[in-house]
Amino acid sequence: MSATHLYSDNFEKVISSSQTPAVVDFWASWCNPCRMLAPVIEDLSDELDGKAGVYKLDVDEAGDVAAAYGVMSIPTIIIFVGGTEKERIVGFRSKEDLLKIVEKYL
């Protein structure tokens, strides 16, 4: 299962209605650390299939959402539970590190 792309018009609905934790990768195609993180996010999506939703939001396409959540640096990963932000990770992290963080909310 690959990460689902979110956009300005569906972000709030998807995140607020998620029955499992939502892991959102705020990224951009021109960002080298974001490109390094992309395969990690895909692996994380496979690992968490059925336990948490894994999403990607391109900050260039949905700058309004990034601004609303105060995303100042990318990559930024925000973990939402019940539509509420629970944790924020800025910068590249390994899949193992991300799993340890997300597992707190499963």
C-alpha atoms as a PDB file:
ATOM      1  CA  MET A   1       0.000   0.000   0.000  1.00  0.00           C
ATOM      2  CA  SER A   2       1.483   3.329  -0.939  1.00  0.00           C
ATOM      3  CA  ALA A   3       0.980   6.636   0.816  1.00  0.00           C
ATOM      4  CA  THR A   4      -2.161   8.501  -0.214  1.00  0.00           C
ATOM      5  CA  HIS A   5      -1.774  12.027  -1.572  1.00  0.00           C
ATOM      6  CA  LEU A   6      -3.775  14.747   0.136  1.00  0.00           C
ATOM      7  CA  TYR A   7      -4.791  18.145  -1.236  1.00  0.00           C
ATOM      8  CA  SER A   8      -6.267  21.376   0.117  1.00  0.00           C
ATOM      9  CA  ASP A   9      -9.801  20.255  -0.726  1.00  0.00           C
ATOM     10  CA  ASN A  10      -9.669  16.895   1.089  1.00  0.00           C
ATOM     11  CA  PHE A  11      -7.092  17.293   3.875  1.00  0.00           C
ATOM     12  CA  GLU A  12      -9.385  18.236   6.753  1.00  0.00           C
ATOM     13  CA  LYS A  13     -12.046  15.668   5.868  1.00  0.00           C
ATOM     14  CA  VAL A  14      -9.569  12.788   5.547  1.00  0.00           C
ATOM     15  CA  ILE A  15      -7.611  13.655   8.705  1.00  0.00           C
ATOM     16  CA  SER A  16     -10.619  14.410  10.905  1.00  0.00           C
ATOM     17  CA  SER A  17     -12.503  11.273   9.840  1.00  0.00           C
ATOM     18  CA  SER A  18      -9.574   8.870  10.151  1.00  0.00           C
ATOM     19  CA  GLN A  19     -10.340   5.999  12.516  1.00  0.00           C
ATOM     20  CA  THR A  20      -6.617   5.277  12.895  1.00  0.00           C
ATOM     21  CA  PRO A  21      -3.656   7.598  13.473  1.00  0.00           C
ATOM     22  CA  ALA A  22      -2.779   9.634  10.384  1.00  0.00           C
ATOM     23  CA  VAL A  23       0.881  10.151   9.495  1.00  0.00           C
ATOM     24  CA  VAL A  24       1.261  13.088   7.086  1.00  0.00           C
ATOM     25  CA  ASP A  25       4.493  13.815   5.215  1.00  0.00           C
ATOM     26  CA  PHE A  26       4.648  17.498   4.207  1.00  0.00           C
ATOM     27  CA  TRP A  27       7.070  17.560   1.270  1.00  0.00           C
ATOM     28  CA  ALA A  28       8.025  19.157  -2.066  1.00  0.00           C
ATOM     29  CA  SER A  29       9.520  17.691  -5.226  1.00  0.00           C
ATOM     30  CA  TRP A  30      12.483  20.092  -5.202  1.00  0.00           C
ATOM     31  CA  CYS A  31      13.500  19.182  -1.621  1.00  0.00           C
ATOM     32  CA  ASN A  32      16.437  16.745  -1.517  1.00  0.00           C
ATOM     33  CA  PRO A  33      15.764  15.492   2.046  1.00  0.00           C
ATOM     34  CA  CYS A  34      12.121  14.975   1.002  1.00  0.00           C
ATOM     35  CA  ARG A  35      13.239  12.819  -1.914  1.00  0.00           C
ATOM     36  CA  MET A  36      15.467  10.813   0.448  1.00  0.00           C
ATOM     37  CA  LEU A  37      12.489  10.322   2.778  1.00  0.00           C
ATOM     38  CA  ALA A  38      10.067   9.231   0.021  1.00  0.00           C
ATOM     39  CA  PRO A  39      11.036   5.515   0.001  1.00  0.00           C
ATOM     40  CA  VAL A  40      10.984   5.498   3.809  1.00  0.00           C
ATOM     41  CA  ILE A  41       7.413   6.853   3.757  1.00  0.00           C
ATOM     42  CA  GLU A  42       6.385   4.181   1.242  1.00  0.00           C
ATOM     43  CA  ASP A  43       7.940   1.443   3.425  1.00  0.00           C
ATOM     44  CA  LEU A  44       6.220   2.926   6.465  1.00  0.00           C
ATOM     45  CA  SER A  45       2.916   2.845   4.610  1.00  0.00           C
ATOM     46  CA  ASP A  46       3.381  -0.860   3.891  1.00  0.00           C
ATOM     47  CA  GLU A  47       4.405  -1.591   7.481  1.00  0.00           C
ATOM     48  CA  LEU A  48       1.461   0.309   8.996  1.00  0.00           C
ATOM     49  CA  ASP A  49      -1.190  -0.898   6.539  1.00  0.00           C
ATOM     50  CA  GLY A  50      -4.436  -1.279   8.485  1.00  0.00           C
ATOM     51  CA  LYS A  51      -2.946   0.259  11.652  1.00  0.00           C
ATOM     52  CA  ALA A  52      -2.424   3.874  10.551  1.00  0.00           C
ATOM     53  CA  GLY A  53      -2.992   5.962   7.464  1.00  0.00           C
ATOM     54  CA  VAL A  54       0.118   7.301   5.753  1.00  0.00           C
ATOM     55  CA  TYR A  55      -0.318  10.397   3.609  1.00  0.00           C
ATOM     56  CA  LYS A  56       1.739  12.857   1.575  1.00  0.00           C
ATOM     57  CA  LEU A  57       0.947  16.535   1.111  1.00  0.00           C
ATOM     58  CA  ASP A  58       2.901  18.578  -1.438  1.00  0.00           C
ATOM     59  CA  VAL A  59       3.443  21.999   0.177  1.00  0.00           C
ATOM     60  CA  ASP A  60       3.659  23.661  -3.244  1.00  0.00           C
ATOM     61  CA  GLU A  61       0.198  22.373  -4.196  1.00  0.00           C
ATOM     62  CA  ALA A  62      -1.379  22.859  -0.771  1.00  0.00           C
ATOM     63  CA  GLY A  63       0.510  25.776   0.736  1.00  0.00           C
ATOM     64  CA  ASP A  64      -2.617  26.861   2.594  1.00  0.00           C
ATOM     65  CA  VAL A  65      -2.668  23.615   4.584  1.00  0.00           C
ATOM     66  CA  ALA A  66       1.078  23.817   5.303  1.00  0.00           C
ATOM     67  CA  ALA A  67       0.642  27.407   6.497  1.00  0.00           C
ATOM     68  CA  ALA A  68      -2.371  26.490   8.647  1.00  0.00           C
ATOM     69  CA  TYR A  69      -0.245  23.927  10.475  1.00  0.00           C
ATOM     70  CA  GLY A  70       2.804  26.172  10.721  1.00  0.00           C
ATOM     71  CA  VAL A  71       5.019  23.949   8.584  1.00  0.00           C
ATOM     72  CA  MET A  72       8.165  26.060   8.155  1.00  0.00           C
ATOM     73  CA  SER A  73      10.674  23.367   7.131  1.00  0.00           C
ATOM     74  CA  ILE A  74      10.340  20.256   5.031  1.00  0.00           C
ATOM     75  CA  PRO A  75      10.212  17.387   5.285  1.00  0.00           C
ATOM     76  CA  THR A  76       7.881  17.645   8.246  1.00  0.00           C
ATOM     77  CA  ILE A  77       5.860  14.663   9.415  1.00  0.00           C
ATOM     78  CA  ILE A  78       2.828  15.321  11.592  1.00  0.00           C
ATOM     79  CA  ILE A  79       0.992  12.533  13.397  1.00  0.00           C
ATOM     80  CA  PHE A  80      -2.707  13.189  13.908  1.00  0.00           C
ATOM     81  CA  VAL A  81      -5.018  11.199  16.172  1.00  0.00           C
ATOM     82  CA  GLY A  82      -8.724  11.955  15.959  1.00  0.00           C
ATOM     83  CA  GLY A  83      -7.918  14.955  13.766  1.00  0.00           C
ATOM     84  CA  THR A  84      -5.644  16.507  16.401  1.00  0.00           C
ATOM     85  CA  GLU A  85      -1.898  16.943  15.999  1.00  0.00           C
ATOM     86  CA  LYS A  86      -0.067  14.729  18.487  1.00  0.00           C
ATOM     87  CA  GLU A  87       3.538  14.854  17.304  1.00  0.00           C
ATOM     88  CA  ARG A  88       5.731  16.622  14.751  1.00  0.00           C
ATOM     89  CA  ILE A  89       9.022  15.397  13.298  1.00  0.00           C
ATOM     90  CA  VAL A  90      11.152  17.737  11.178  1.00  0.00           C
ATOM     91  CA  GLY A  91      13.856  16.399   8.879  1.00  0.00           C
ATOM     92  CA  PHE A  92      14.894  12.980   7.666  1.00  0.00           C
ATOM     93  CA  ARG A  93      14.398   9.979   9.958  1.00  0.00           C
ATOM     94  CA  SER A  94      14.850   6.272   9.379  1.00  0.00           C
ATOM     95  CA  LYS A  95      11.859   3.958   9.083  1.00  0.00           C
ATOM     96  CA  GLU A  96      12.800   2.403  12.420  1.00  0.00           C
ATOM     97  CA  ASP A  97      12.812   5.806  14.150  1.00  0.00           C
ATOM     98  CA  LEU A  98       9.474   6.745  12.612  1.00  0.00           C
ATOM     99  CA  LEU A  99       7.915   3.397  13.565  1.00  0.00           C
ATOM    100  CA  LYS A 100       8.946   3.872  17.199  1.00  0.00           C
ATOM    101  CA  ILE A 101       7.295   7.289  17.251  1.00  0.00           C
ATOM    102  CA  VAL A 102       4.094   6.194  15.479  1.00  0.00           C
ATOM    103  CA  GLU A 103       3.718   3.055  17.622  1.00  0.00           C
ATOM    104  CA  LYS A 104       3.028   5.281  20.652  1.00  0.00           C
ATOM    105  CA  TYR A 105      -0.282   6.223  19.020  1.00  0.00           C
ATOM    106  CA  LEU A 106      -1.441   2.815  17.775  1.00  0.00           C
END
